[in-house]
């Protein structure tokens, strides 16, 4: 009887290890392959929607101009190009967001500020693509 209980315990242990292994593998697969679909796309849509809603209140002190429209387009373009969870987490540390905040502090948006922001966006995109290639 004692011998039979040891065999049952060993088989239960083996079954538990197999089930836990399958569960861990499935969790890792979901995190690596499906997280963007479940988290990034909805978050991106929320960012774009909120940026559009808050645009008028945040920039009401700025006179309507072509530069103001360009700035809005650049901001929406930036949010649309968020590709991964890493981009969302680092959003507060982005130079682009800091530069955007500096631009809207005063009531005048110049072509130079728009050009500087555009160049900064291109530079960051190039850096991110180099990192992704490696």
C-alpha atoms as a PDB file:
ATOM      1  CA  UNK A   1       0.000   0.000   0.000  1.00  0.00           C
ATOM      2  CA  UNK A   2       2.825   2.378   0.855  1.00  0.00           C
ATOM      3  CA  UNK A   3       4.476   1.717  -2.502  1.00  0.00           C
ATOM      4  CA  UNK A   4       1.243   2.538  -4.359  1.00  0.00           C
ATOM      5  CA  UNK A   5       0.829   5.923  -2.557  1.00  0.00           C
ATOM      6  CA  UNK A   6       4.340   6.994  -3.599  1.00  0.00           C
ATOM      7  CA  UNK A   7       3.539   6.242  -7.246  1.00  0.00           C
ATOM      8  CA  UNK A   8       0.320   8.267  -7.000  1.00  0.00           C
ATOM      9  CA  UNK A   9       2.163  11.196  -5.407  1.00  0.00           C
ATOM     10  CA  UNK A  10       4.848  11.123  -8.101  1.00  0.00           C
ATOM     11  CA  UNK A  11       2.278  11.085 -10.880  1.00  0.00           C
ATOM     12  CA  UNK A  12       0.367  13.976  -9.275  1.00  0.00           C
ATOM     13  CA  UNK A  13       3.608  15.938  -9.013  1.00  0.00           C
ATOM     14  CA  UNK A  14       4.439  15.268 -12.658  1.00  0.00           C
ATOM     15  CA  UNK A  15       0.929  16.294 -13.747  1.00  0.00           C
ATOM     16  CA  UNK A  16       1.216  19.495 -11.690  1.00  0.00           C
ATOM     17  CA  UNK A  17       4.584  20.349 -13.258  1.00  0.00           C
ATOM     18  CA  UNK A  18       3.192  19.780 -16.764  1.00  0.00           C
ATOM     19  CA  UNK A  19       0.100  21.917 -16.094  1.00  0.00           C
ATOM     20  CA  UNK A  20       2.161  24.746 -14.573  1.00  0.00           C
ATOM     21  CA  UNK A  21       4.599  24.614 -17.503  1.00  0.00           C
ATOM     22  CA  UNK A  22       1.748  24.873 -20.011  1.00  0.00           C
ATOM     23  CA  UNK A  23       0.198  27.741 -18.044  1.00  0.00           C
ATOM     24  CA  UNK A  24       3.509  29.671 -17.893  1.00  0.00           C
ATOM     25  CA  UNK A  25       4.159  29.095 -21.612  1.00  0.00           C
ATOM     26  CA  UNK A  26       0.651  30.294 -22.517  1.00  0.00           C
ATOM     27  CA  UNK A  27       1.064  33.404 -20.330  1.00  0.00           C
ATOM     28  CA  UNK A  28       4.402  34.273 -21.925  1.00  0.00           C
ATOM     29  CA  UNK A  29       2.948  33.775 -25.411  1.00  0.00           C
ATOM     30  CA  UNK A  30      -0.003  36.050 -24.655  1.00  0.00           C
ATOM     31  CA  UNK A  31       2.232  38.767 -23.202  1.00  0.00           C
ATOM     32  CA  UNK A  32       4.629  38.678 -26.149  1.00  0.00           C
ATOM     33  CA  UNK A  33       2.117  38.412 -28.984  1.00  0.00           C
ATOM     34  CA  UNK A  34      -1.271  39.682 -27.883  1.00  0.00           C
ATOM     35  CA  UNK A  35      -0.545  42.495 -25.414  1.00  0.00           C
ATOM     36  CA  UNK A  36      -0.368  45.088 -28.176  1.00  0.00           C
ATOM     37  CA  UNK A  37      -3.798  44.103 -29.469  1.00  0.00           C
ATOM     38  CA  UNK A  38      -5.346  44.121 -26.018  1.00  0.00           C
ATOM     39  CA  UNK A  39      -3.611  47.143 -24.506  1.00  0.00           C
ATOM     40  CA  UNK A  40      -1.690  49.328 -26.973  1.00  0.00           C
ATOM     41  CA  UNK A  41      -4.424  49.815 -29.582  1.00  0.00           C
ATOM     42  CA  UNK A  42      -7.123  50.798 -27.059  1.00  0.00           C
ATOM     43  CA  UNK A  43      -4.649  53.033 -25.210  1.00  0.00           C
ATOM     44  CA  UNK A  44      -3.609  54.681 -28.456  1.00  0.00           C
ATOM     45  CA  UNK A  45      -7.250  55.346 -29.340  1.00  0.00           C
ATOM     46  CA  UNK A  46      -7.845  56.878 -25.911  1.00  0.00           C
ATOM     47  CA  UNK A  47      -4.763  59.110 -26.262  1.00  0.00           C
ATOM     48  CA  UNK A  48      -5.832  60.332 -29.678  1.00  0.00           C
ATOM     49  CA  UNK A  49      -9.421  60.937 -28.572  1.00  0.00           C
ATOM     50  CA  UNK A  50      -8.383  62.792 -25.414  1.00  0.00           C
ATOM     51  CA  UNK A  51      -5.803  64.859 -27.281  1.00  0.00           C
ATOM     52  CA  UNK A  52      -8.492  65.934 -29.722  1.00  0.00           C
ATOM     53  CA  UNK A  53     -10.988  66.740 -26.960  1.00  0.00           C
ATOM     54  CA  UNK A  54      -8.533  68.670 -24.805  1.00  0.00           C
ATOM     55  CA  UNK A  55      -6.873  70.509 -27.672  1.00  0.00           C
ATOM     56  CA  UNK A  56      -9.128  73.551 -27.587  1.00  0.00           C
ATOM     57  CA  UNK A  57      -8.994  73.977 -23.817  1.00  0.00           C
ATOM     58  CA  UNK A  58      -5.222  73.489 -23.652  1.00  0.00           C
ATOM     59  CA  UNK A  59      -4.507  75.866 -26.516  1.00  0.00           C
ATOM     60  CA  UNK A  60      -7.284  78.432 -26.078  1.00  0.00           C
ATOM     61  CA  UNK A  61      -4.697  81.115 -25.268  1.00  0.00           C
ATOM     62  CA  UNK A  62      -3.038  80.590 -28.674  1.00  0.00           C
ATOM     63  CA  UNK A  63      -4.376  82.514 -31.641  1.00  0.00           C
ATOM     64  CA  UNK A  64      -5.833  80.406 -34.448  1.00  0.00           C
ATOM     65  CA  UNK A  65      -3.242  79.974 -37.157  1.00  0.00           C
ATOM     66  CA  UNK A  66      -1.767  77.533 -39.629  1.00  0.00           C
ATOM     67  CA  UNK A  67       0.991  76.808 -37.098  1.00  0.00           C
ATOM     68  CA  UNK A  68      -1.569  75.868 -34.445  1.00  0.00           C
ATOM     69  CA  UNK A  69      -3.190  73.426 -36.875  1.00  0.00           C
ATOM     70  CA  UNK A  70       0.244  72.039 -37.779  1.00  0.00           C
ATOM     71  CA  UNK A  71       1.061  71.547 -34.121  1.00  0.00           C
ATOM     72  CA  UNK A  72      -2.189  69.647 -33.570  1.00  0.00           C
ATOM     73  CA  UNK A  73      -1.474  67.450 -36.599  1.00  0.00           C
ATOM     74  CA  UNK A  74       2.029  66.698 -35.323  1.00  0.00           C
ATOM     75  CA  UNK A  75       0.723  65.742 -31.892  1.00  0.00           C
ATOM     76  CA  UNK A  76      -1.929  63.418 -33.322  1.00  0.00           C
ATOM     77  CA  UNK A  77       0.631  61.913 -35.714  1.00  0.00           C
ATOM     78  CA  UNK A  78       2.945  61.284 -32.762  1.00  0.00           C
ATOM     79  CA  UNK A  79       0.239  59.447 -30.791  1.00  0.00           C
ATOM     80  CA  UNK A  80      -0.799  57.397 -33.828  1.00  0.00           C
ATOM     81  CA  UNK A  81       2.769  56.142 -34.216  1.00  0.00           C
ATOM     82  CA  UNK A  82       3.046  54.648 -30.748  1.00  0.00           C
ATOM     83  CA  UNK A  83       4.024  51.079 -31.513  1.00  0.00           C
ATOM     84  CA  UNK A  84       4.715  49.292 -28.253  1.00  0.00           C
ATOM     85  CA  UNK A  85       4.167  49.216 -24.536  1.00  0.00           C
ATOM     86  CA  UNK A  86       7.643  50.667 -24.079  1.00  0.00           C
ATOM     87  CA  UNK A  87       6.543  53.819 -25.917  1.00  0.00           C
ATOM     88  CA  UNK A  88       3.558  54.288 -23.611  1.00  0.00           C
ATOM     89  CA  UNK A  89       5.605  53.773 -20.453  1.00  0.00           C
ATOM     90  CA  UNK A  90       8.240  56.287 -21.575  1.00  0.00           C
ATOM     91  CA  UNK A  91       5.709  58.901 -22.668  1.00  0.00           C
ATOM     92  CA  UNK A  92       6.426  61.216 -19.720  1.00  0.00           C
ATOM     93  CA  UNK A  93      10.145  61.125 -20.447  1.00  0.00           C
ATOM     94  CA  UNK A  94       9.809  61.989 -24.122  1.00  0.00           C
ATOM     95  CA  UNK A  95      11.637  65.042 -25.395  1.00  0.00           C
ATOM     96  CA  UNK A  96       8.812  65.600 -27.864  1.00  0.00           C
ATOM     97  CA  UNK A  97       6.220  66.026 -25.114  1.00  0.00           C
ATOM     98  CA  UNK A  98       8.533  68.401 -23.257  1.00  0.00           C
ATOM     99  CA  UNK A  99       9.116  70.422 -26.431  1.00  0.00           C
ATOM    100  CA  UNK A 100       5.380  70.496 -27.129  1.00  0.00           C
ATOM    101  CA  UNK A 101       4.746  71.899 -23.638  1.00  0.00           C
ATOM    102  CA  UNK A 102       7.380  74.594 -24.190  1.00  0.00           C
ATOM    103  CA  UNK A 103       5.814  75.570 -27.512  1.00  0.00           C
ATOM    104  CA  UNK A 104       2.314  76.054 -26.115  1.00  0.00           C
ATOM    105  CA  UNK A 105       3.471  78.098 -23.090  1.00  0.00           C
ATOM    106  CA  UNK A 106       3.340  81.338 -25.027  1.00  0.00           C
ATOM    107  CA  UNK A 107       0.540  82.457 -27.319  1.00  0.00           C
ATOM    108  CA  UNK A 108       2.652  82.493 -30.477  1.00  0.00           C
ATOM    109  CA  UNK A 109       3.713  79.424 -32.418  1.00  0.00           C
ATOM    110  CA  UNK A 110       6.453  80.036 -34.938  1.00  0.00           C
ATOM    111  CA  UNK A 111       7.478  78.067 -37.996  1.00  0.00           C
ATOM    112  CA  UNK A 112      10.866  77.505 -36.354  1.00  0.00           C
ATOM    113  CA  UNK A 113       9.216  75.797 -33.370  1.00  0.00           C
ATOM    114  CA  UNK A 114       7.184  73.568 -35.674  1.00  0.00           C
ATOM    115  CA  UNK A 115      10.320  72.691 -37.665  1.00  0.00           C
ATOM    116  CA  UNK A 116      12.260  71.935 -34.489  1.00  0.00           C
ATOM    117  CA  UNK A 117       9.493  69.646 -33.223  1.00  0.00           C
ATOM    118  CA  UNK A 118       9.245  67.905 -36.595  1.00  0.00           C
ATOM    119  CA  UNK A 119      13.001  67.294 -36.685  1.00  0.00           C
ATOM    120  CA  UNK A 120      12.914  66.006 -33.128  1.00  0.00           C
ATOM    121  CA  UNK A 121      10.139  63.584 -34.053  1.00  0.00           C
ATOM    122  CA  UNK A 122      12.074  62.292 -37.056  1.00  0.00           C
ATOM    123  CA  UNK A 123      15.220  61.927 -34.949  1.00  0.00           C
ATOM    124  CA  UNK A 124      13.413  59.899 -32.274  1.00  0.00           C
ATOM    125  CA  UNK A 125      11.737  57.697 -34.871  1.00  0.00           C
ATOM    126  CA  UNK A 126      15.113  56.990 -36.454  1.00  0.00           C
ATOM    127  CA  UNK A 127      16.627  56.140 -33.062  1.00  0.00           C
ATOM    128  CA  UNK A 128      13.754  53.796 -32.232  1.00  0.00           C
ATOM    129  CA  UNK A 129      13.993  52.061 -35.589  1.00  0.00           C
ATOM    130  CA  UNK A 130      17.755  51.558 -35.105  1.00  0.00           C
ATOM    131  CA  UNK A 131      17.124  50.048 -31.688  1.00  0.00           C
ATOM    132  CA  UNK A 132      14.406  47.778 -33.087  1.00  0.00           C
ATOM    133  CA  UNK A 133      16.712  46.566 -35.862  1.00  0.00           C
ATOM    134  CA  UNK A 134      19.375  45.526 -33.355  1.00  0.00           C
END
